[in-house]
């Protein structure tokens, strides 16, 4: 058996720090790094998904078409105008299309435009820690007065 740390074989050798699951993790990191390095990313696409709010809008639209008002309802601490600006940036980047119907505007994601980045986004969204990170980012980028706590009635 070859010791992963020293590269030497033998049954009496000590087990290195890379033994067990660490070797698999290291190989995963190497493979992902290689895949990312050979894929060229569009700077417009990267700047469009750089904002945590825009990534959250993409998550909301990932499996369904939504009206602008429904998207805004998902962000109670943000004005409709601010959500509209984020939607406009996603539309300009070609990641989202808009369909007017009467007084409403419906938005849909173009998954094919995201390419391999879409798969990475899906993996991030499936992670429970991602949800906590997004909430922390929203709180840190929030502007204006803090919402008042509702006092409990006794």
C-alpha atoms as a PDB file:
ATOM      1  CA  UNK A   1       0.000   0.000   0.000  1.00  0.00           C
ATOM      2  CA  UNK A   2       1.380   3.448  -0.917  1.00  0.00           C
ATOM      3  CA  UNK A   3       1.377   6.164   1.728  1.00  0.00           C
ATOM      4  CA  UNK A   4      -0.267   9.224   0.152  1.00  0.00           C
ATOM      5  CA  UNK A   5       1.880  11.687   2.121  1.00  0.00           C
ATOM      6  CA  UNK A   6       5.332  10.208   1.665  1.00  0.00           C
ATOM      7  CA  UNK A   7       4.778   8.264  -1.554  1.00  0.00           C
ATOM      8  CA  UNK A   8       6.515   5.230  -0.053  1.00  0.00           C
ATOM      9  CA  UNK A   9       5.030   1.772   0.155  1.00  0.00           C
ATOM     10  CA  UNK A  10       5.195  -0.842   2.863  1.00  0.00           C
ATOM     11  CA  UNK A  11       2.934  -2.155   5.541  1.00  0.00           C
ATOM     12  CA  UNK A  12       4.777  -0.587   8.462  1.00  0.00           C
ATOM     13  CA  UNK A  13       4.641   3.022   7.174  1.00  0.00           C
ATOM     14  CA  UNK A  14       2.679   5.624   9.040  1.00  0.00           C
ATOM     15  CA  UNK A  15      -0.645   6.771   7.655  1.00  0.00           C
ATOM     16  CA  UNK A  16      -0.319  10.278   6.237  1.00  0.00           C
ATOM     17  CA  UNK A  17      -2.672  13.159   6.771  1.00  0.00           C
ATOM     18  CA  UNK A  18      -4.125  12.655   3.281  1.00  0.00           C
ATOM     19  CA  UNK A  19      -5.284   9.116   4.011  1.00  0.00           C
ATOM     20  CA  UNK A  20      -8.913   8.133   3.697  1.00  0.00           C
ATOM     21  CA  UNK A  21     -11.429  10.700   2.501  1.00  0.00           C
ATOM     22  CA  UNK A  22      -8.858  13.487   2.202  1.00  0.00           C
ATOM     23  CA  UNK A  23      -7.386  11.956  -0.973  1.00  0.00           C
ATOM     24  CA  UNK A  24     -10.823  11.884  -2.615  1.00  0.00           C
ATOM     25  CA  UNK A  25     -11.466  15.471  -1.578  1.00  0.00           C
ATOM     26  CA  UNK A  26      -8.125  16.600  -2.966  1.00  0.00           C
ATOM     27  CA  UNK A  27      -8.828  14.862  -6.274  1.00  0.00           C
ATOM     28  CA  UNK A  28     -12.262  16.523  -6.430  1.00  0.00           C
ATOM     29  CA  UNK A  29     -10.657  19.934  -5.913  1.00  0.00           C
ATOM     30  CA  UNK A  30      -8.081  19.255  -8.630  1.00  0.00           C
ATOM     31  CA  UNK A  31     -10.737  18.067 -11.101  1.00  0.00           C
ATOM     32  CA  UNK A  32     -13.063  21.002 -10.426  1.00  0.00           C
ATOM     33  CA  UNK A  33     -10.170  23.456 -10.711  1.00  0.00           C
ATOM     34  CA  UNK A  34      -9.220  21.934 -14.064  1.00  0.00           C
ATOM     35  CA  UNK A  35     -12.799  22.059 -15.365  1.00  0.00           C
ATOM     36  CA  UNK A  36     -13.171  25.687 -14.316  1.00  0.00           C
ATOM     37  CA  UNK A  37      -9.810  26.614 -15.850  1.00  0.00           C
ATOM     38  CA  UNK A  38     -10.704  25.230 -19.289  1.00  0.00           C
ATOM     39  CA  UNK A  39     -14.126  26.898 -19.419  1.00  0.00           C
ATOM     40  CA  UNK A  40     -14.137  30.484 -20.559  1.00  0.00           C
ATOM     41  CA  UNK A  41     -16.542  32.711 -18.668  1.00  0.00           C
ATOM     42  CA  UNK A  42     -18.244  35.708 -20.146  1.00  0.00           C
ATOM     43  CA  UNK A  43     -17.390  38.790 -18.032  1.00  0.00           C
ATOM     44  CA  UNK A  44     -20.927  40.151 -18.540  1.00  0.00           C
ATOM     45  CA  UNK A  45     -22.358  36.918 -17.153  1.00  0.00           C
ATOM     46  CA  UNK A  46     -20.012  36.932 -14.169  1.00  0.00           C
ATOM     47  CA  UNK A  47     -20.771  40.535 -13.294  1.00  0.00           C
ATOM     48  CA  UNK A  48     -24.505  39.811 -13.581  1.00  0.00           C
ATOM     49  CA  UNK A  49     -24.366  36.947 -11.086  1.00  0.00           C
ATOM     50  CA  UNK A  50     -21.907  38.673  -8.754  1.00  0.00           C
ATOM     51  CA  UNK A  51     -24.732  40.261  -6.777  1.00  0.00           C
ATOM     52  CA  UNK A  52     -26.302  38.031  -4.107  1.00  0.00           C
ATOM     53  CA  UNK A  53     -29.711  39.560  -4.842  1.00  0.00           C
ATOM     54  CA  UNK A  54     -29.425  38.729  -8.533  1.00  0.00           C
ATOM     55  CA  UNK A  55     -28.429  35.160  -7.704  1.00  0.00           C
ATOM     56  CA  UNK A  56     -31.461  34.910  -5.436  1.00  0.00           C
ATOM     57  CA  UNK A  57     -33.697  36.229  -8.226  1.00  0.00           C
ATOM     58  CA  UNK A  58     -32.239  33.568 -10.533  1.00  0.00           C
ATOM     59  CA  UNK A  59     -33.012  30.939  -7.890  1.00  0.00           C
ATOM     60  CA  UNK A  60     -36.616  32.131  -7.667  1.00  0.00           C
ATOM     61  CA  UNK A  61     -36.995  32.001 -11.450  1.00  0.00           C
ATOM     62  CA  UNK A  62     -35.045  28.771 -11.972  1.00  0.00           C
ATOM     63  CA  UNK A  63     -38.062  26.466 -12.279  1.00  0.00           C
ATOM     64  CA  UNK A  64     -40.884  28.881 -12.991  1.00  0.00           C
ATOM     65  CA  UNK A  65     -41.895  32.099 -14.636  1.00  0.00           C
ATOM     66  CA  UNK A  66     -42.831  34.819 -12.135  1.00  0.00           C
ATOM     67  CA  UNK A  67     -44.346  38.272 -12.264  1.00  0.00           C
ATOM     68  CA  UNK A  68     -42.217  41.181 -11.091  1.00  0.00           C
ATOM     69  CA  UNK A  69     -44.555  41.693  -8.135  1.00  0.00           C
ATOM     70  CA  UNK A  70     -44.090  38.093  -6.980  1.00  0.00           C
ATOM     71  CA  UNK A  71     -40.323  38.474  -7.197  1.00  0.00           C
ATOM     72  CA  UNK A  72     -40.505  41.687  -5.198  1.00  0.00           C
ATOM     73  CA  UNK A  73     -42.652  39.953  -2.547  1.00  0.00           C
ATOM     74  CA  UNK A  74     -39.739  37.562  -1.908  1.00  0.00           C
ATOM     75  CA  UNK A  75     -37.626  40.562  -0.809  1.00  0.00           C
ATOM     76  CA  UNK A  76     -39.652  42.349   1.879  1.00  0.00           C
ATOM     77  CA  UNK A  77     -36.751  44.636   2.812  1.00  0.00           C
ATOM     78  CA  UNK A  78     -36.194  45.943  -0.742  1.00  0.00           C
ATOM     79  CA  UNK A  79     -38.252  48.400  -2.754  1.00  0.00           C
ATOM     80  CA  UNK A  80     -39.930  47.427  -6.008  1.00  0.00           C
ATOM     81  CA  UNK A  81     -37.640  49.880  -7.840  1.00  0.00           C
ATOM     82  CA  UNK A  82     -34.518  48.153  -6.509  1.00  0.00           C
ATOM     83  CA  UNK A  83     -35.806  44.731  -7.605  1.00  0.00           C
ATOM     84  CA  UNK A  84     -36.686  46.217 -10.991  1.00  0.00           C
ATOM     85  CA  UNK A  85     -33.088  47.435 -11.414  1.00  0.00           C
ATOM     86  CA  UNK A  86     -31.768  43.948 -10.610  1.00  0.00           C
ATOM     87  CA  UNK A  87     -34.171  42.410 -13.124  1.00  0.00           C
ATOM     88  CA  UNK A  88     -33.058  44.930 -15.748  1.00  0.00           C
ATOM     89  CA  UNK A  89     -29.397  43.996 -15.185  1.00  0.00           C
ATOM     90  CA  UNK A  90     -30.222  40.289 -15.564  1.00  0.00           C
ATOM     91  CA  UNK A  91     -32.201  41.040 -18.731  1.00  0.00           C
ATOM     92  CA  UNK A  92     -29.348  43.109 -20.233  1.00  0.00           C
ATOM     93  CA  UNK A  93     -26.954  40.224 -19.550  1.00  0.00           C
ATOM     94  CA  UNK A  94     -29.287  37.898 -21.437  1.00  0.00           C
ATOM     95  CA  UNK A  95     -29.912  35.679 -18.417  1.00  0.00           C
ATOM     96  CA  UNK A  96     -33.587  36.542 -18.059  1.00  0.00           C
ATOM     97  CA  UNK A  97     -36.312  37.286 -20.591  1.00  0.00           C
ATOM     98  CA  UNK A  98     -39.363  39.412 -19.938  1.00  0.00           C
ATOM     99  CA  UNK A  99     -42.860  38.835 -21.286  1.00  0.00           C
ATOM    100  CA  UNK A 100     -45.363  41.672 -20.884  1.00  0.00           C
ATOM    101  CA  UNK A 101     -48.976  40.643 -20.385  1.00  0.00           C
ATOM    102  CA  UNK A 102     -51.403  43.439 -19.702  1.00  0.00           C
ATOM    103  CA  UNK A 103     -50.070  45.479 -16.788  1.00  0.00           C
ATOM    104  CA  UNK A 104     -47.769  42.691 -15.599  1.00  0.00           C
ATOM    105  CA  UNK A 105     -44.291  41.660 -16.658  1.00  0.00           C
ATOM    106  CA  UNK A 106     -43.305  38.001 -16.364  1.00  0.00           C
ATOM    107  CA  UNK A 107     -39.684  36.906 -16.091  1.00  0.00           C
ATOM    108  CA  UNK A 108     -38.057  33.599 -17.050  1.00  0.00           C
ATOM    109  CA  UNK A 109     -34.436  32.361 -16.791  1.00  0.00           C
ATOM    110  CA  UNK A 110     -32.416  31.300 -19.839  1.00  0.00           C
ATOM    111  CA  UNK A 111     -30.551  28.357 -18.302  1.00  0.00           C
ATOM    112  CA  UNK A 112     -28.610  27.627 -21.478  1.00  0.00           C
ATOM    113  CA  UNK A 113     -27.013  31.085 -21.294  1.00  0.00           C
ATOM    114  CA  UNK A 114     -25.483  30.207 -17.913  1.00  0.00           C
ATOM    115  CA  UNK A 115     -23.830  27.024 -19.209  1.00  0.00           C
ATOM    116  CA  UNK A 116     -21.632  25.320 -16.584  1.00  0.00           C
ATOM    117  CA  UNK A 117     -22.212  28.190 -14.154  1.00  0.00           C
ATOM    118  CA  UNK A 118     -25.850  27.089 -13.938  1.00  0.00           C
ATOM    119  CA  UNK A 119     -24.792  23.705 -12.564  1.00  0.00           C
ATOM    120  CA  UNK A 120     -22.621  25.411  -9.951  1.00  0.00           C
ATOM    121  CA  UNK A 121     -25.531  27.644  -8.947  1.00  0.00           C
ATOM    122  CA  UNK A 122     -27.830  24.618  -8.571  1.00  0.00           C
ATOM    123  CA  UNK A 123     -25.279  22.942  -6.299  1.00  0.00           C
ATOM    124  CA  UNK A 124     -24.956  26.082  -4.176  1.00  0.00           C
ATOM    125  CA  UNK A 125     -28.731  26.429  -3.844  1.00  0.00           C
ATOM    126  CA  UNK A 126     -29.054  22.813  -2.702  1.00  0.00           C
ATOM    127  CA  UNK A 127     -26.625  23.461   0.131  1.00  0.00           C
ATOM    128  CA  UNK A 128     -28.286  24.448   3.427  1.00  0.00           C
ATOM    129  CA  UNK A 129     -25.272  26.547   4.354  1.00  0.00           C
ATOM    130  CA  UNK A 130     -25.843  28.576   1.187  1.00  0.00           C
ATOM    131  CA  UNK A 131     -29.199  29.757   2.552  1.00  0.00           C
ATOM    132  CA  UNK A 132     -27.547  31.034   5.725  1.00  0.00           C
ATOM    133  CA  UNK A 133     -24.832  32.779   3.687  1.00  0.00           C
ATOM    134  CA  UNK A 134     -27.409  34.524   1.480  1.00  0.00           C
ATOM    135  CA  UNK A 135     -29.337  35.749   4.511  1.00  0.00           C
ATOM    136  CA  UNK A 136     -26.140  37.140   6.033  1.00  0.00           C
ATOM    137  CA  UNK A 137     -25.196  38.866   2.754  1.00  0.00           C
ATOM    138  CA  UNK A 138     -28.652  40.404   2.457  1.00  0.00           C
ATOM    139  CA  UNK A 139     -28.435  41.738   5.984  1.00  0.00           C
ATOM    140  CA  UNK A 140     -24.947  43.169   5.440  1.00  0.00           C
ATOM    141  CA  UNK A 141     -25.874  44.897   2.145  1.00  0.00           C
ATOM    142  CA  UNK A 142     -29.191  46.201   3.399  1.00  0.00           C
ATOM    143  CA  UNK A 143     -29.571  49.980   3.344  1.00  0.00           C
ATOM    144  CA  UNK A 144     -31.846  52.218   5.309  1.00  0.00           C
ATOM    145  CA  UNK A 145     -33.245  51.883   8.804  1.00  0.00           C
ATOM    146  CA  UNK A 146     -33.450  48.479  10.422  1.00  0.00           C
ATOM    147  CA  UNK A 147     -36.947  47.004  10.585  1.00  0.00           C
ATOM    148  CA  UNK A 148     -38.602  47.437  13.935  1.00  0.00           C
ATOM    149  CA  UNK A 149     -39.183  44.394  16.046  1.00  0.00           C
ATOM    150  CA  UNK A 150     -42.777  43.645  16.717  1.00  0.00           C
ATOM    151  CA  UNK A 151     -43.505  43.744  20.404  1.00  0.00           C
ATOM    152  CA  UNK A 152     -45.350  40.773  21.757  1.00  0.00           C
ATOM    153  CA  UNK A 153     -48.715  41.514  23.324  1.00  0.00           C
ATOM    154  CA  UNK A 154     -49.281  39.993  26.704  1.00  0.00           C
END
